C-alpha atoms as a PDB file:
ATOM      1  CA  MET A   1      15.388 -52.506 -24.413  1.00  0.00           C
ATOM      2  CA  LYS A   2      12.551 -52.974 -22.114  1.00  0.00           C
ATOM      3  CA  LYS A   3      14.491 -51.395 -19.292  1.00  0.00           C
ATOM      4  CA  THR A   4      15.043 -48.174 -21.291  1.00  0.00           C
ATOM      5  CA  PHE A   5      11.303 -48.083 -22.183  1.00  0.00           C
ATOM      6  CA  TRP A   6      10.258 -48.215 -18.686  1.00  0.00           C
ATOM      7  CA  LEU A   7      12.888 -45.875 -17.411  1.00  0.00           C
ATOM      8  CA  GLY A   8      11.813 -43.369 -20.203  1.00  0.00           C
ATOM      9  CA  LEU A   9       8.266 -43.832 -19.109  1.00  0.00           C
ATOM     10  CA  LEU A  10       9.109 -43.127 -15.427  1.00  0.00           C
ATOM     11  CA  VAL A  11      10.910 -39.984 -16.190  1.00  0.00           C
ATOM     12  CA  THR A  12       8.367 -38.591 -18.362  1.00  0.00           C
ATOM     13  CA  GLY A  13       5.812 -39.335 -15.757  1.00  0.00           C
ATOM     14  CA  LEU A  14       7.817 -37.576 -13.067  1.00  0.00           C
ATOM     15  CA  LEU A  15       8.193 -34.492 -15.204  1.00  0.00           C
ATOM     16  CA  LEU A  16       4.429 -34.230 -15.559  1.00  0.00           C
ATOM     17  CA  LEU A  17       3.587 -34.419 -12.106  1.00  0.00           C
ATOM     18  CA  PRO A  18       2.688 -31.034 -10.636  1.00  0.00           C
ATOM     19  CA  GLN A  19       5.475 -29.490  -8.701  1.00  0.00           C
ATOM     20  CA  ALA A  20       4.827 -29.513  -4.805  1.00  0.00           C
ATOM     21  CA  ALA A  21       4.587 -26.169  -3.313  1.00  0.00           C
ATOM     22  CA  TYR A  22       7.212 -25.341  -0.746  1.00  0.00           C
ATOM     23  CA  ALA A  23       7.289 -22.827   2.017  1.00  0.00           C
ATOM     24  CA  MET A  24       9.907 -19.876   2.156  1.00  0.00           C
ATOM     25  CA  LEU A  25      10.964 -17.963   5.204  1.00  0.00           C
ATOM     26  CA  ILE A  26      10.810 -14.435   4.456  1.00  0.00           C
ATOM     27  CA  GLN A  27      12.091 -11.595   6.561  1.00  0.00           C
ATOM     28  CA  GLY A  28      11.490  -7.954   5.786  1.00  0.00           C
ATOM     29  CA  THR A  29      10.093  -4.511   6.816  1.00  0.00           C
ATOM     30  CA  VAL A  30       6.286  -3.891   6.526  1.00  0.00           C
ATOM     31  CA  THR A  31       5.764  -1.113   4.164  1.00  0.00           C
ATOM     32  CA  GLN A  32       1.874  -1.504   3.588  1.00  0.00           C
ATOM     33  CA  LEU A  33      -0.831  -3.144   5.683  1.00  0.00           C
ATOM     34  CA  ASN A  34      -4.201  -3.958   4.232  1.00  0.00           C
ATOM     35  CA  LEU A  35      -6.441  -5.277   7.262  1.00  0.00           C
ATOM     36  CA  ASP A  36      -9.523  -5.670   5.187  1.00  0.00           C
ATOM     37  CA  ALA A  37      -7.768  -8.039   2.815  1.00  0.00           C
ATOM     38  CA  SER A  38      -5.468  -9.599   5.068  1.00  0.00           C
ATOM     39  CA  ALA A  39      -2.356  -8.589   3.071  1.00  0.00           C
ATOM     40  CA  ILE A  40       0.916  -7.046   3.807  1.00  0.00           C
ATOM     41  CA  THR A  41       3.747  -5.678   1.809  1.00  0.00           C
ATOM     42  CA  LEU A  42       7.306  -6.429   2.758  1.00  0.00           C
ATOM     43  CA  SER A  43      10.452  -4.635   1.693  1.00  0.00           C
ATOM     44  CA  ARG A  44      13.537  -6.988   1.772  1.00  0.00           C
ATOM     45  CA  THR A  45      16.965  -7.508   0.199  1.00  0.00           C
ATOM     46  CA  ASP A  46      16.973 -10.491  -2.004  1.00  0.00           C
ATOM     47  CA  PRO A  47      19.611 -12.776  -0.537  1.00  0.00           C
ATOM     48  CA  GLN A  48      20.843 -14.031  -4.092  1.00  0.00           C
ATOM     49  CA  THR A  49      20.717 -10.782  -5.991  1.00  0.00           C
ATOM     50  CA  GLN A  50      21.308  -8.113  -3.233  1.00  0.00           C
ATOM     51  CA  VAL A  51      18.407  -6.142  -4.870  1.00  0.00           C
ATOM     52  CA  THR A  52      15.711  -4.558  -2.747  1.00  0.00           C
ATOM     53  CA  GLU A  53      12.321  -5.879  -3.597  1.00  0.00           C
ATOM     54  CA  GLU A  54       8.597  -5.436  -2.462  1.00  0.00           C
ATOM     55  CA  LEU A  55       6.657  -8.506  -1.918  1.00  0.00           C
ATOM     56  CA  ASP A  56       2.860  -8.593  -1.673  1.00  0.00           C
ATOM     57  CA  ILE A  57       1.662 -11.370   0.613  1.00  0.00           C
ATOM     58  CA  THR A  58      -1.669 -12.544   1.564  1.00  0.00           C
ATOM     59  CA  VAL A  59      -2.083 -13.903   4.993  1.00  0.00           C
ATOM     60  CA  LEU A  60      -4.143 -17.025   5.046  1.00  0.00           C
ATOM     61  CA  PRO A  61      -7.255 -16.968   7.413  1.00  0.00           C
ATOM     62  CA  GLU A  62      -5.608 -20.169   9.216  1.00  0.00           C
ATOM     63  CA  ALA A  63      -2.424 -18.452   9.622  1.00  0.00           C
ATOM     64  CA  GLU A  64      -0.514 -18.865  12.854  1.00  0.00           C
ATOM     65  CA  PHE A  65       0.628 -15.652  14.678  1.00  0.00           C
ATOM     66  CA  LYS A  66       3.678 -15.977  16.949  1.00  0.00           C
ATOM     67  CA  GLY A  67       4.423 -13.148  19.295  1.00  0.00           C
ATOM     68  CA  ILE A  68       1.388 -11.307  18.134  1.00  0.00           C
ATOM     69  CA  SER A  69      -2.263 -12.144  18.080  1.00  0.00           C
ATOM     70  CA  SER A  70      -3.179 -10.702  14.640  1.00  0.00           C
ATOM     71  CA  LEU A  71      -2.185  -8.376  11.707  1.00  0.00           C
ATOM     72  CA  ALA A  72      -3.788  -5.323  13.706  1.00  0.00           C
ATOM     73  CA  GLU A  73      -0.785  -5.365  15.987  1.00  0.00           C
ATOM     74  CA  LEU A  74       1.816  -4.658  13.249  1.00  0.00           C
ATOM     75  CA  GLU A  75       2.537  -1.303  11.949  1.00  0.00           C
ATOM     76  CA  VAL A  76       4.380   0.234   8.865  1.00  0.00           C
ATOM     77  CA  GLY A  77       8.119  -0.219   9.755  1.00  0.00           C
ATOM     78  CA  ASP A  78       7.886  -3.280  11.822  1.00  0.00           C
ATOM     79  CA  GLU A  79      10.502  -6.053  11.042  1.00  0.00           C
ATOM     80  CA  ILE A  80       8.701  -9.440  10.519  1.00  0.00           C
ATOM     81  CA  ARG A  81       9.189 -12.918   9.439  1.00  0.00           C
ATOM     82  CA  VAL A  82       6.645 -14.883   7.390  1.00  0.00           C
ATOM     83  CA  GLU A  83       6.518 -18.510   6.248  1.00  0.00           C
ATOM     84  CA  ALA A  84       4.878 -18.231   2.906  1.00  0.00           C
ATOM     85  CA  SER A  85       4.253 -20.337  -0.266  1.00  0.00           C
ATOM     86  CA  GLU A  86       3.261 -19.537  -3.773  1.00  0.00           C
ATOM     87  CA  ASN A  87      -0.372 -20.247  -4.679  1.00  0.00           C
ATOM     88  CA  GLU A  88       0.255 -22.237  -7.921  1.00  0.00           C
ATOM     89  CA  ALA A  89      -2.965 -21.039  -9.456  1.00  0.00           C
ATOM     90  CA  THR A  90      -2.398 -17.393  -8.909  1.00  0.00           C
ATOM     91  CA  GLY A  91       1.271 -16.867  -8.217  1.00  0.00           C
ATOM     92  CA  GLN A  92       0.457 -15.040  -5.091  1.00  0.00           C
ATOM     93  CA  LEU A  93       2.417 -15.475  -2.014  1.00  0.00           C
ATOM     94  CA  GLU A  94       0.282 -16.682   0.837  1.00  0.00           C
ATOM     95  CA  ALA A  95       1.578 -16.643   4.519  1.00  0.00           C
ATOM     96  CA  SER A  96       1.015 -19.549   6.969  1.00  0.00           C
ATOM     97  CA  THR A  97       2.990 -18.141   9.959  1.00  0.00           C
ATOM     98  CA  VAL A  98       3.631 -14.273  10.872  1.00  0.00           C
ATOM     99  CA  GLU A  99       5.986 -13.231  13.699  1.00  0.00           C
ATOM    100  CA  PRO A 100       8.174 -10.459  14.706  1.00  0.00           C
ATOM    101  CA  SER A 101      11.833 -10.944  13.619  1.00  0.00           C
ATOM    102  CA  GLU A 102      14.283 -12.047  16.023  1.00  0.00           C
ATOM    103  CA  SER A 103      15.902  -8.405  16.211  1.00  0.00           C
ATOM    104  CA  GLU A 104      12.490  -7.005  17.705  1.00  0.00           C
ATOM    105  CA  GLU A 105      12.092  -9.807  19.984  1.00  0.00           C
ATOM    106  CA  ALA A 106      15.751  -9.423  21.303  1.00  0.00           C
ATOM    107  CA  ALA A 107      15.046  -5.625  21.797  1.00  0.00           C
ATOM    108  CA  VAL A 108      12.150  -6.484  23.877  1.00  0.00           C
ATOM    109  CA  SER A 109      13.664  -9.215  25.906  1.00  0.00           C
ATOM    110  CA  GLU A 110      16.868  -7.406  26.560  1.00  0.00           C
ATOM    111  CA  GLN A 111      17.944  -7.350  30.167  1.00  0.00           C
ATOM    112  CA  PRO A 112      19.020  -3.997  31.760  1.00  0.00           C
ATOM    113  CA  ALA A 113      22.689  -3.733  32.667  1.00  0.00           C
ATOM    114  CA  PRO A 114      23.521  -4.112  36.225  1.00  0.00           C
ATOM    115  CA  PRO A 115      23.879  -0.970  38.048  1.00  0.00           C
ATOM    116  CA  ALA A 116      27.236   0.857  37.790  1.00  0.00           C
ATOM    117  CA  GLU A 117      28.047   0.717  41.385  1.00  0.00           C
ATOM    118  CA  ASP A 118      27.941  -3.077  41.493  1.00  0.00           C
ATOM    119  CA  ALA A 119      30.682  -2.992  38.911  1.00  0.00           C
ATOM    120  CA  GLU A 120      32.712  -0.570  40.769  1.00  0.00           C
ATOM    121  CA  MET A 121      32.638  -2.666  43.867  1.00  0.00           C
ATOM    122  CA  LYS A 122      33.776  -5.717  42.126  1.00  0.00           C
ATOM    123  CA  ALA A 123      36.771  -3.730  40.653  1.00  0.00           C
ATOM    124  CA  ASP A 124      37.681  -2.544  44.078  1.00  0.00           C
ATOM    125  CA  ASP A 125      37.577  -6.013  45.468  1.00  0.00           C
ATOM    126  CA  GLU A 126      39.622  -7.469  42.788  1.00  0.00           C
ATOM    127  CA  SER A 127      42.398  -4.780  43.047  1.00  0.00           C
ATOM    128  CA  ALA A 128      42.663  -4.939  46.842  1.00  0.00           C
ATOM    129  CA  PRO A 129      45.747  -6.876  47.984  1.00  0.00           C
ATOM    130  CA  ALA A 130      45.453 -10.258  49.298  1.00  0.00           C
ATOM    131  CA  GLN A 131      45.531 -10.479  53.098  1.00  0.00           C
ATOM    132  CA  LEU A 132      47.420 -13.101  54.830  1.00  0.00           C
END
């Protein structure tokens, strides 16, 4: 009987604790920038519902920027990724990290293809008969 009471009390206490905020990784296309308010709007497709949605996100003053130095480097149409959590008091998404998405990084770091003549020379070498 005492075990049931204490177990019930423990469960009730856990339910009354405020839920901890957790960070979400959000990737989308910048549709609006408000540098004065440190805010961005992202368009993305919800991975669960497959519905396109607009998310308003406030970028925290202490936010970390990766691959860019500030919001001023972003433009409407850029693909970015943010790590954000919901402010429990306001319900607003707040970003702690902002970075270009991998697709943009890959486009910037792509290596040029080798010149065509190198490829032709290799093909010629491979097709030549072996000399004894």
